[in-house]
């Protein structure tokens, strides 16, 4: 049956597949009880197997009324999201490449004309000044956050 982390991962993926909302909400303590493990084991699975790079976003609130929300990120076929992040963006993204990427999002009707203009305005860096020198790294991080938000299945 595999190790505990594998079983927890498989269970969560199965539950996510059954939902039409694109996300699931769980209680960490209940999940730990179901697998007879400590909550930190649940955290380990979420931190290593449900990452943005793997196509998931995890929101967590700790405490008595705390919850876990696991959101499946879209953008098509399994693994396509990671390819977009790695190939099109990487660790740095020039102004020209970011503009072309936004144009592609617009062409594929993933964003409206207004949203495209807003994204281009944000990532251009035109209105940002000061001593910060690594605009391409900042632009890459901003675009990754924008793509993550656009690919959230729960915001459709």
C-alpha atoms as a PDB file:
ATOM      1  CA  UNK A   1       0.000   0.000   0.000  1.00  0.00           C
ATOM      2  CA  UNK A   2       3.034   2.309   0.174  1.00  0.00           C
ATOM      3  CA  UNK A   3       4.225   4.514   2.961  1.00  0.00           C
ATOM      4  CA  UNK A   4       2.006   6.847   4.947  1.00  0.00           C
ATOM      5  CA  UNK A   5       2.864   9.941   2.916  1.00  0.00           C
ATOM      6  CA  UNK A   6       1.952   8.106  -0.308  1.00  0.00           C
ATOM      7  CA  UNK A   7      -1.390   7.005   1.141  1.00  0.00           C
ATOM      8  CA  UNK A   8      -2.241  10.520   2.342  1.00  0.00           C
ATOM      9  CA  UNK A   9      -1.298  12.001  -1.038  1.00  0.00           C
ATOM     10  CA  UNK A  10      -3.347   9.431  -2.931  1.00  0.00           C
ATOM     11  CA  UNK A  11      -6.360   9.999  -0.660  1.00  0.00           C
ATOM     12  CA  UNK A  12      -6.242  13.779  -1.108  1.00  0.00           C
ATOM     13  CA  UNK A  13      -5.892  13.493  -4.886  1.00  0.00           C
ATOM     14  CA  UNK A  14      -8.832  11.084  -5.013  1.00  0.00           C
ATOM     15  CA  UNK A  15     -11.007  13.496  -3.013  1.00  0.00           C
ATOM     16  CA  UNK A  16      -9.927  16.403  -5.264  1.00  0.00           C
ATOM     17  CA  UNK A  17     -10.858  14.415  -8.387  1.00  0.00           C
ATOM     18  CA  UNK A  18     -14.380  13.856  -7.067  1.00  0.00           C
ATOM     19  CA  UNK A  19     -15.109  17.520  -6.409  1.00  0.00           C
ATOM     20  CA  UNK A  20     -16.468  19.829  -9.063  1.00  0.00           C
ATOM     21  CA  UNK A  21     -15.506  22.996  -7.160  1.00  0.00           C
ATOM     22  CA  UNK A  22     -11.775  22.663  -7.876  1.00  0.00           C
ATOM     23  CA  UNK A  23     -10.869  22.630  -4.190  1.00  0.00           C
ATOM     24  CA  UNK A  24     -11.427  20.750  -0.950  1.00  0.00           C
ATOM     25  CA  UNK A  25     -11.580  21.992   2.630  1.00  0.00           C
ATOM     26  CA  UNK A  26     -10.410  19.696   5.410  1.00  0.00           C
ATOM     27  CA  UNK A  27      -9.502  19.822   9.056  1.00  0.00           C
ATOM     28  CA  UNK A  28      -5.864  18.893   9.660  1.00  0.00           C
ATOM     29  CA  UNK A  29      -6.637  17.145  12.957  1.00  0.00           C
ATOM     30  CA  UNK A  30      -9.457  15.068  11.436  1.00  0.00           C
ATOM     31  CA  UNK A  31      -7.234  14.019   8.553  1.00  0.00           C
ATOM     32  CA  UNK A  32      -4.446  13.093  10.971  1.00  0.00           C
ATOM     33  CA  UNK A  33      -6.960  11.073  13.007  1.00  0.00           C
ATOM     34  CA  UNK A  34      -8.154   9.244   9.922  1.00  0.00           C
ATOM     35  CA  UNK A  35      -4.587   8.160   9.115  1.00  0.00           C
ATOM     36  CA  UNK A  36      -3.576   7.665  12.762  1.00  0.00           C
ATOM     37  CA  UNK A  37      -0.666  10.072  12.468  1.00  0.00           C
ATOM     38  CA  UNK A  38       0.447  13.409  13.884  1.00  0.00           C
ATOM     39  CA  UNK A  39      -0.624  16.634  12.148  1.00  0.00           C
ATOM     40  CA  UNK A  40       2.995  17.352  11.214  1.00  0.00           C
ATOM     41  CA  UNK A  41       2.860  14.315   8.884  1.00  0.00           C
ATOM     42  CA  UNK A  42      -0.054  15.968   7.082  1.00  0.00           C
ATOM     43  CA  UNK A  43       2.009  19.173   6.856  1.00  0.00           C
ATOM     44  CA  UNK A  44       4.899  17.210   5.354  1.00  0.00           C
ATOM     45  CA  UNK A  45       2.688  15.766   2.609  1.00  0.00           C
ATOM     46  CA  UNK A  46       1.215  19.183   1.819  1.00  0.00           C
ATOM     47  CA  UNK A  47       4.612  20.926   1.816  1.00  0.00           C
ATOM     48  CA  UNK A  48       6.272  18.375  -0.465  1.00  0.00           C
ATOM     49  CA  UNK A  49       3.528  17.006  -2.711  1.00  0.00           C
ATOM     50  CA  UNK A  50       0.922  19.751  -3.035  1.00  0.00           C
ATOM     51  CA  UNK A  51       3.062  22.648  -4.202  1.00  0.00           C
ATOM     52  CA  UNK A  52       2.381  25.330  -6.802  1.00  0.00           C
ATOM     53  CA  UNK A  53       4.983  23.720  -9.040  1.00  0.00           C
ATOM     54  CA  UNK A  54       2.978  20.495  -8.934  1.00  0.00           C
ATOM     55  CA  UNK A  55      -0.265  22.296  -9.728  1.00  0.00           C
ATOM     56  CA  UNK A  56      -1.760  22.898  -6.270  1.00  0.00           C
ATOM     57  CA  UNK A  57      -2.241  25.798  -3.924  1.00  0.00           C
ATOM     58  CA  UNK A  58      -2.666  25.122  -0.201  1.00  0.00           C
ATOM     59  CA  UNK A  59      -4.269  27.640   2.108  1.00  0.00           C
ATOM     60  CA  UNK A  60      -4.034  26.919   5.786  1.00  0.00           C
ATOM     61  CA  UNK A  61      -5.449  28.376   8.954  1.00  0.00           C
ATOM     62  CA  UNK A  62      -4.210  26.972  12.218  1.00  0.00           C
ATOM     63  CA  UNK A  63      -5.943  26.820  15.565  1.00  0.00           C
ATOM     64  CA  UNK A  64      -9.155  25.322  16.917  1.00  0.00           C
ATOM     65  CA  UNK A  65     -11.298  26.303  13.949  1.00  0.00           C
ATOM     66  CA  UNK A  66      -8.426  25.875  11.523  1.00  0.00           C
ATOM     67  CA  UNK A  67      -8.750  24.301   8.138  1.00  0.00           C
ATOM     68  CA  UNK A  68      -6.816  23.246   5.061  1.00  0.00           C
ATOM     69  CA  UNK A  69      -7.963  24.274   1.648  1.00  0.00           C
ATOM     70  CA  UNK A  70      -6.298  22.475  -1.245  1.00  0.00           C
ATOM     71  CA  UNK A  71      -6.936  24.114  -4.600  1.00  0.00           C
ATOM     72  CA  UNK A  72      -6.239  22.357  -7.868  1.00  0.00           C
ATOM     73  CA  UNK A  73      -4.611  24.705 -10.358  1.00  0.00           C
ATOM     74  CA  UNK A  74      -5.768  24.382 -13.938  1.00  0.00           C
ATOM     75  CA  UNK A  75      -4.065  25.096 -17.277  1.00  0.00           C
ATOM     76  CA  UNK A  76      -4.842  21.868 -18.999  1.00  0.00           C
ATOM     77  CA  UNK A  77      -3.102  18.543 -18.988  1.00  0.00           C
ATOM     78  CA  UNK A  78      -1.246  17.046 -16.033  1.00  0.00           C
ATOM     79  CA  UNK A  79       2.123  18.739 -15.728  1.00  0.00           C
ATOM     80  CA  UNK A  80       1.361  21.534 -18.185  1.00  0.00           C
ATOM     81  CA  UNK A  81       1.276  24.148 -15.426  1.00  0.00           C
ATOM     82  CA  UNK A  82       4.780  23.257 -14.282  1.00  0.00           C
ATOM     83  CA  UNK A  83       6.052  23.411 -17.878  1.00  0.00           C
ATOM     84  CA  UNK A  84       4.625  26.903 -18.327  1.00  0.00           C
ATOM     85  CA  UNK A  85       6.276  28.096 -15.129  1.00  0.00           C
ATOM     86  CA  UNK A  86       9.642  26.534 -15.946  1.00  0.00           C
ATOM     87  CA  UNK A  87       9.888  27.172 -19.690  1.00  0.00           C
ATOM     88  CA  UNK A  88       8.173  30.507 -20.178  1.00  0.00           C
ATOM     89  CA  UNK A  89       9.151  32.261 -16.992  1.00  0.00           C
ATOM     90  CA  UNK A  90      12.079  30.681 -15.169  1.00  0.00           C
ATOM     91  CA  UNK A  91      13.832  32.762 -12.523  1.00  0.00           C
ATOM     92  CA  UNK A  92      13.951  35.941 -14.599  1.00  0.00           C
ATOM     93  CA  UNK A  93      11.571  37.508 -17.081  1.00  0.00           C
ATOM     94  CA  UNK A  94      12.309  40.507 -19.280  1.00  0.00           C
ATOM     95  CA  UNK A  95       9.772  43.238 -19.959  1.00  0.00           C
ATOM     96  CA  UNK A  96       9.464  42.093 -23.571  1.00  0.00           C
ATOM     97  CA  UNK A  97       8.924  38.435 -22.690  1.00  0.00           C
ATOM     98  CA  UNK A  98       6.373  39.316 -20.003  1.00  0.00           C
ATOM     99  CA  UNK A  99       4.456  41.433 -22.497  1.00  0.00           C
ATOM    100  CA  UNK A 100       4.466  38.569 -25.013  1.00  0.00           C
ATOM    101  CA  UNK A 101       3.248  36.148 -22.347  1.00  0.00           C
ATOM    102  CA  UNK A 102       0.365  38.469 -21.449  1.00  0.00           C
ATOM    103  CA  UNK A 103      -0.481  38.784 -25.146  1.00  0.00           C
ATOM    104  CA  UNK A 104      -0.644  35.006 -25.335  1.00  0.00           C
ATOM    105  CA  UNK A 105      -2.965  34.875 -22.320  1.00  0.00           C
ATOM    106  CA  UNK A 106      -5.174  37.414 -24.093  1.00  0.00           C
ATOM    107  CA  UNK A 107      -5.093  35.477 -27.396  1.00  0.00           C
ATOM    108  CA  UNK A 108      -6.120  32.302 -25.583  1.00  0.00           C
ATOM    109  CA  UNK A 109      -8.915  34.250 -23.858  1.00  0.00           C
ATOM    110  CA  UNK A 110      -7.584  33.481 -20.391  1.00  0.00           C
ATOM    111  CA  UNK A 111      -7.703  37.202 -19.568  1.00  0.00           C
ATOM    112  CA  UNK A 112      -9.757  40.145 -20.795  1.00  0.00           C
ATOM    113  CA  UNK A 113      -8.259  43.154 -22.562  1.00  0.00           C
ATOM    114  CA  UNK A 114      -8.594  45.146 -19.349  1.00  0.00           C
ATOM    115  CA  UNK A 115      -6.895  42.428 -17.268  1.00  0.00           C
ATOM    116  CA  UNK A 116      -4.081  42.183 -19.809  1.00  0.00           C
ATOM    117  CA  UNK A 117      -3.501  45.932 -19.636  1.00  0.00           C
ATOM    118  CA  UNK A 118      -3.487  45.793 -15.835  1.00  0.00           C
ATOM    119  CA  UNK A 119      -0.982  42.914 -15.768  1.00  0.00           C
ATOM    120  CA  UNK A 120       1.288  44.664 -18.273  1.00  0.00           C
ATOM    121  CA  UNK A 121       1.160  47.819 -16.199  1.00  0.00           C
ATOM    122  CA  UNK A 122       2.118  45.940 -13.042  1.00  0.00           C
ATOM    123  CA  UNK A 123       4.996  43.950 -14.518  1.00  0.00           C
ATOM    124  CA  UNK A 124       6.437  46.733 -16.668  1.00  0.00           C
ATOM    125  CA  UNK A 125       8.149  48.415 -13.729  1.00  0.00           C
ATOM    126  CA  UNK A 126       7.655  51.813 -15.370  1.00  0.00           C
ATOM    127  CA  UNK A 127       6.299  53.439 -12.247  1.00  0.00           C
ATOM    128  CA  UNK A 128       8.743  51.714  -9.927  1.00  0.00           C
ATOM    129  CA  UNK A 129      11.944  53.487  -9.149  1.00  0.00           C
ATOM    130  CA  UNK A 130      14.658  53.362  -6.566  1.00  0.00           C
ATOM    131  CA  UNK A 131      17.747  51.332  -5.934  1.00  0.00           C
ATOM    132  CA  UNK A 132      16.236  47.920  -6.660  1.00  0.00           C
ATOM    133  CA  UNK A 133      18.152  46.403  -9.559  1.00  0.00           C
ATOM    134  CA  UNK A 134      16.717  42.971 -10.223  1.00  0.00           C
ATOM    135  CA  UNK A 135      13.502  43.850 -12.072  1.00  0.00           C
ATOM    136  CA  UNK A 136      13.624  40.687 -14.179  1.00  0.00           C
ATOM    137  CA  UNK A 137      13.545  38.500 -11.050  1.00  0.00           C
ATOM    138  CA  UNK A 138      10.683  40.539  -9.569  1.00  0.00           C
ATOM    139  CA  UNK A 139       8.820  40.391 -12.892  1.00  0.00           C
ATOM    140  CA  UNK A 140       9.206  36.574 -12.948  1.00  0.00           C
ATOM    141  CA  UNK A 141       7.818  36.267  -9.426  1.00  0.00           C
ATOM    142  CA  UNK A 142       4.905  38.560 -10.236  1.00  0.00           C
ATOM    143  CA  UNK A 143       4.029  36.610 -13.389  1.00  0.00           C
ATOM    144  CA  UNK A 144       4.171  33.311 -11.504  1.00  0.00           C
ATOM    145  CA  UNK A 145       1.750  34.706  -8.922  1.00  0.00           C
ATOM    146  CA  UNK A 146      -0.531  36.023 -11.664  1.00  0.00           C
ATOM    147  CA  UNK A 147      -0.526  32.659 -13.481  1.00  0.00           C
ATOM    148  CA  UNK A 148      -1.173  30.836 -10.224  1.00  0.00           C
ATOM    149  CA  UNK A 149      -4.198  33.023  -9.580  1.00  0.00           C
ATOM    150  CA  UNK A 150      -5.465  32.647 -13.168  1.00  0.00           C
ATOM    151  CA  UNK A 151      -5.199  28.867 -12.976  1.00  0.00           C
ATOM    152  CA  UNK A 152      -7.170  28.449  -9.755  1.00  0.00           C
ATOM    153  CA  UNK A 153     -10.080  26.146 -10.536  1.00  0.00           C
ATOM    154  CA  UNK A 154     -12.016  27.486  -7.551  1.00  0.00           C
ATOM    155  CA  UNK A 155     -12.272  31.021  -8.990  1.00  0.00           C
ATOM    156  CA  UNK A 156     -14.028  30.096 -12.231  1.00  0.00           C
END
